[in-house]
Amino acid sequence: MARATQFTLSHENLPGMLASIAKVLGNEKVNVLSCLTMTSGTTGTTYLVVDNVEKAKKALANARLTYTEADVLRLELPNTPGALARFAGKLAQEEINITLGYQTCTKGSRKATIVLAVSDLDKAATIR
């Protein structure tokens, strides 16, 4: 199981915010591996996992975009019915709480990628 750094950016809820953030990273050749954007009222929150944490930090700082960092679990699951239920069930059996999760895959692919913020990352990282 892979640990990853997740960036959390708080921003205004305006058209083009995600495009602006992605452009800042793209201009520095930082690839976004996972992304979740949510809004509520006038504010938005974007969660990102990228391929180069240090370059992302520099790019975000240079663009004066404020962010926080957190360690998360980023892993691949089989792209089959019930795979997420099985893995989440194993976390529950170990009393590990999932506080945030997002997953994506391409139809027909064999694997899905999931990002989970959990209450005990060290323990979660050992679960298969």
C-alpha atoms as a PDB file:
ATOM      1  CA  MET A   1       0.000   0.000   0.000  1.00  0.00           C
ATOM      2  CA  ALA A   2       1.359   3.365  -0.943  1.00  0.00           C
ATOM      3  CA  ARG A   3       1.438   6.459   1.175  1.00  0.00           C
ATOM      4  CA  ALA A   4       0.999   9.713  -0.644  1.00  0.00           C
ATOM      5  CA  THR A   5       0.923  13.397   0.161  1.00  0.00           C
ATOM      6  CA  GLN A   6      -2.412  15.076  -0.357  1.00  0.00           C
ATOM      7  CA  PHE A   7      -2.572  18.821  -0.868  1.00  0.00           C
ATOM      8  CA  THR A   8      -5.720  20.598   0.304  1.00  0.00           C
ATOM      9  CA  LEU A   9      -6.378  24.012  -1.183  1.00  0.00           C
ATOM     10  CA  SER A  10      -9.143  26.327   0.020  1.00  0.00           C
ATOM     11  CA  HIS A  11     -10.328  28.862  -2.524  1.00  0.00           C
ATOM     12  CA  GLU A  12     -13.257  30.884  -3.752  1.00  0.00           C
ATOM     13  CA  ASN A  13     -16.117  29.117  -5.503  1.00  0.00           C
ATOM     14  CA  LEU A  14     -15.644  30.736  -8.914  1.00  0.00           C
ATOM     15  CA  PRO A  15     -15.567  29.446 -12.492  1.00  0.00           C
ATOM     16  CA  GLY A  16     -12.015  28.563 -13.483  1.00  0.00           C
ATOM     17  CA  MET A  17     -10.551  27.910 -10.030  1.00  0.00           C
ATOM     18  CA  LEU A  18      -9.681  24.291 -10.774  1.00  0.00           C
ATOM     19  CA  ALA A  19      -8.318  25.327 -14.167  1.00  0.00           C
ATOM     20  CA  SER A  20      -6.098  27.937 -12.494  1.00  0.00           C
ATOM     21  CA  ILE A  21      -4.729  25.488  -9.943  1.00  0.00           C
ATOM     22  CA  ALA A  22      -4.131  22.825 -12.594  1.00  0.00           C
ATOM     23  CA  LYS A  23      -2.392  25.340 -14.855  1.00  0.00           C
ATOM     24  CA  VAL A  24       0.008  26.358 -12.072  1.00  0.00           C
ATOM     25  CA  LEU A  25       0.989  22.712 -11.611  1.00  0.00           C
ATOM     26  CA  GLY A  26       0.990  21.854 -15.307  1.00  0.00           C
ATOM     27  CA  ASN A  27       3.277  24.763 -16.141  1.00  0.00           C
ATOM     28  CA  GLU A  28       5.829  23.228 -13.768  1.00  0.00           C
ATOM     29  CA  LYS A  29       5.365  19.737 -15.257  1.00  0.00           C
ATOM     30  CA  VAL A  30       3.632  18.423 -12.126  1.00  0.00           C
ATOM     31  CA  ASN A  31       1.128  15.709 -13.012  1.00  0.00           C
ATOM     32  CA  VAL A  32      -2.103  15.444 -11.020  1.00  0.00           C
ATOM     33  CA  LEU A  33      -2.673  11.788 -10.093  1.00  0.00           C
ATOM     34  CA  SER A  34      -5.889  12.227  -8.091  1.00  0.00           C
ATOM     35  CA  CYS A  35      -8.242  15.160  -7.663  1.00  0.00           C
ATOM     36  CA  LEU A  36     -11.439  16.015  -5.805  1.00  0.00           C
ATOM     37  CA  THR A  37     -13.063  19.453  -5.841  1.00  0.00           C
ATOM     38  CA  MET A  38     -16.044  20.407  -3.716  1.00  0.00           C
ATOM     39  CA  THR A  39     -17.879  23.663  -3.113  1.00  0.00           C
ATOM     40  CA  SER A  40     -20.235  25.053  -0.511  1.00  0.00           C
ATOM     41  CA  GLY A  41     -21.631  28.532  -0.883  1.00  0.00           C
ATOM     42  CA  THR A  42     -18.848  30.925  -1.813  1.00  0.00           C
ATOM     43  CA  THR A  43     -15.943  28.640  -0.901  1.00  0.00           C
ATOM     44  CA  GLY A  44     -14.345  25.631  -2.511  1.00  0.00           C
ATOM     45  CA  THR A  45     -11.899  22.948  -1.473  1.00  0.00           C
ATOM     46  CA  THR A  46      -9.642  21.012  -3.816  1.00  0.00           C
ATOM     47  CA  TYR A  47      -7.759  17.864  -2.799  1.00  0.00           C
ATOM     48  CA  LEU A  48      -4.815  16.803  -4.959  1.00  0.00           C
ATOM     49  CA  VAL A  49      -2.276  13.997  -5.091  1.00  0.00           C
ATOM     50  CA  VAL A  50       0.561  14.702  -7.515  1.00  0.00           C
ATOM     51  CA  ASP A  51       3.578  12.923  -8.943  1.00  0.00           C
ATOM     52  CA  ASN A  52       6.173  15.364  -7.593  1.00  0.00           C
ATOM     53  CA  VAL A  53       5.465  16.810  -4.143  1.00  0.00           C
ATOM     54  CA  GLU A  54       8.477  19.133  -3.983  1.00  0.00           C
ATOM     55  CA  LYS A  55       7.820  20.696  -7.384  1.00  0.00           C
ATOM     56  CA  ALA A  56       4.146  21.106  -6.460  1.00  0.00           C
ATOM     57  CA  LYS A  57       5.014  22.884  -3.209  1.00  0.00           C
ATOM     58  CA  LYS A  58       7.248  25.294  -5.069  1.00  0.00           C
ATOM     59  CA  ALA A  59       4.693  25.926  -7.831  1.00  0.00           C
ATOM     60  CA  LEU A  60       1.830  26.514  -5.381  1.00  0.00           C
ATOM     61  CA  ALA A  61       3.943  28.814  -3.206  1.00  0.00           C
ATOM     62  CA  ASN A  62       5.133  30.818  -6.220  1.00  0.00           C
ATOM     63  CA  ALA A  63       1.503  31.244  -7.299  1.00  0.00           C
ATOM     64  CA  ARG A  64       0.612  32.339  -3.748  1.00  0.00           C
ATOM     65  CA  LEU A  65      -1.876  29.491  -3.406  1.00  0.00           C
ATOM     66  CA  THR A  66      -2.201  28.419   0.210  1.00  0.00           C
ATOM     67  CA  TYR A  67      -2.444  24.740   0.996  1.00  0.00           C
ATOM     68  CA  THR A  68      -2.064  22.164   3.703  1.00  0.00           C
ATOM     69  CA  GLU A  69      -0.503  18.733   3.407  1.00  0.00           C
ATOM     70  CA  ALA A  70      -1.600  15.398   4.827  1.00  0.00           C
ATOM     71  CA  ASP A  71      -0.425  11.832   4.471  1.00  0.00           C
ATOM     72  CA  VAL A  72      -3.035   9.601   2.843  1.00  0.00           C
ATOM     73  CA  LEU A  73      -3.345   6.077   1.572  1.00  0.00           C
ATOM     74  CA  ARG A  74      -3.297   5.819  -2.234  1.00  0.00           C
ATOM     75  CA  LEU A  75      -3.720   2.333  -3.597  1.00  0.00           C
ATOM     76  CA  GLU A  76      -5.079   0.279  -6.437  1.00  0.00           C
ATOM     77  CA  LEU A  77      -8.044  -2.014  -6.033  1.00  0.00           C
ATOM     78  CA  PRO A  78      -9.440  -4.460  -8.544  1.00  0.00           C
ATOM     79  CA  ASN A  79     -12.021  -2.783 -10.767  1.00  0.00           C
ATOM     80  CA  THR A  80     -14.680  -5.327  -9.849  1.00  0.00           C
ATOM     81  CA  PRO A  81     -17.993  -5.158  -8.001  1.00  0.00           C
ATOM     82  CA  GLY A  82     -17.448  -5.400  -4.255  1.00  0.00           C
ATOM     83  CA  ALA A  83     -13.709  -4.603  -4.189  1.00  0.00           C
ATOM     84  CA  LEU A  84     -14.218  -1.309  -2.392  1.00  0.00           C
ATOM     85  CA  ALA A  85     -16.667  -2.907   0.052  1.00  0.00           C
ATOM     86  CA  ARG A  86     -14.153  -5.642   0.890  1.00  0.00           C
ATOM     87  CA  PHE A  87     -11.291  -3.217   1.514  1.00  0.00           C
ATOM     88  CA  ALA A  88     -13.405  -0.723   3.468  1.00  0.00           C
ATOM     89  CA  GLY A  89     -14.756  -3.636   5.512  1.00  0.00           C
ATOM     90  CA  LYS A  90     -11.227  -4.704   6.417  1.00  0.00           C
ATOM     91  CA  LEU A  91     -10.476  -1.179   7.615  1.00  0.00           C
ATOM     92  CA  ALA A  92     -13.677  -1.190   9.675  1.00  0.00           C
ATOM     93  CA  GLN A  93     -12.754  -4.544  11.266  1.00  0.00           C
ATOM     94  CA  GLU A  94      -9.524  -2.918  12.432  1.00  0.00           C
ATOM     95  CA  GLU A  95     -11.499   0.097  13.722  1.00  0.00           C
ATOM     96  CA  ILE A  96      -9.859   2.410  11.199  1.00  0.00           C
ATOM     97  CA  ASN A  97     -12.124   5.308  10.290  1.00  0.00           C
ATOM     98  CA  ILE A  98     -12.191   6.719   6.754  1.00  0.00           C
ATOM     99  CA  THR A  99     -12.503  10.507   6.949  1.00  0.00           C
ATOM    100  CA  LEU A 100     -12.245  11.237   3.216  1.00  0.00           C
ATOM    101  CA  GLY A 101     -12.162   9.071   0.134  1.00  0.00           C
ATOM    102  CA  TYR A 102     -12.230   9.398  -3.631  1.00  0.00           C
ATOM    103  CA  GLN A 103     -11.733   6.841  -6.362  1.00  0.00           C
ATOM    104  CA  THR A 104     -11.652   6.692 -10.132  1.00  0.00           C
ATOM    105  CA  CYS A 105     -11.000   4.290 -12.962  1.00  0.00           C
ATOM    106  CA  THR A 106     -11.607   3.906 -16.650  1.00  0.00           C
ATOM    107  CA  LYS A 107     -14.395   1.609 -17.760  1.00  0.00           C
ATOM    108  CA  GLY A 108     -12.881  -1.713 -18.745  1.00  0.00           C
ATOM    109  CA  SER A 109      -9.638  -1.170 -16.812  1.00  0.00           C
ATOM    110  CA  ARG A 110      -8.515  -3.873 -14.415  1.00  0.00           C
ATOM    111  CA  LYS A 111      -7.591  -1.512 -11.558  1.00  0.00           C
ATOM    112  CA  ALA A 112      -9.166   1.445  -9.789  1.00  0.00           C
ATOM    113  CA  THR A 113      -7.168   4.008  -7.835  1.00  0.00           C
ATOM    114  CA  ILE A 114      -8.471   5.162  -4.470  1.00  0.00           C
ATOM    115  CA  VAL A 115      -7.258   7.843  -2.075  1.00  0.00           C
ATOM    116  CA  LEU A 116      -8.259   7.517   1.579  1.00  0.00           C
ATOM    117  CA  ALA A 117      -7.621   9.740   4.564  1.00  0.00           C
ATOM    118  CA  VAL A 118      -7.814   7.398   7.534  1.00  0.00           C
ATOM    119  CA  SER A 119      -7.580   7.544  11.307  1.00  0.00           C
ATOM    120  CA  ASP A 120      -4.560   5.197  11.464  1.00  0.00           C
ATOM    121  CA  LEU A 121      -2.449   5.367   8.327  1.00  0.00           C
ATOM    122  CA  ASP A 122       0.317   3.088   9.605  1.00  0.00           C
ATOM    123  CA  LYS A 123      -2.142   0.314  10.410  1.00  0.00           C
ATOM    124  CA  ALA A 124      -4.162   0.847   7.218  1.00  0.00           C
ATOM    125  CA  ALA A 125      -1.016   0.600   5.105  1.00  0.00           C
ATOM    126  CA  THR A 126      -0.510  -3.000   6.235  1.00  0.00           C
ATOM    127  CA  ILE A 127      -3.989  -4.216   5.301  1.00  0.00           C
ATOM    128  CA  ARG A 128      -4.327  -6.236   2.115  1.00  0.00           C
END
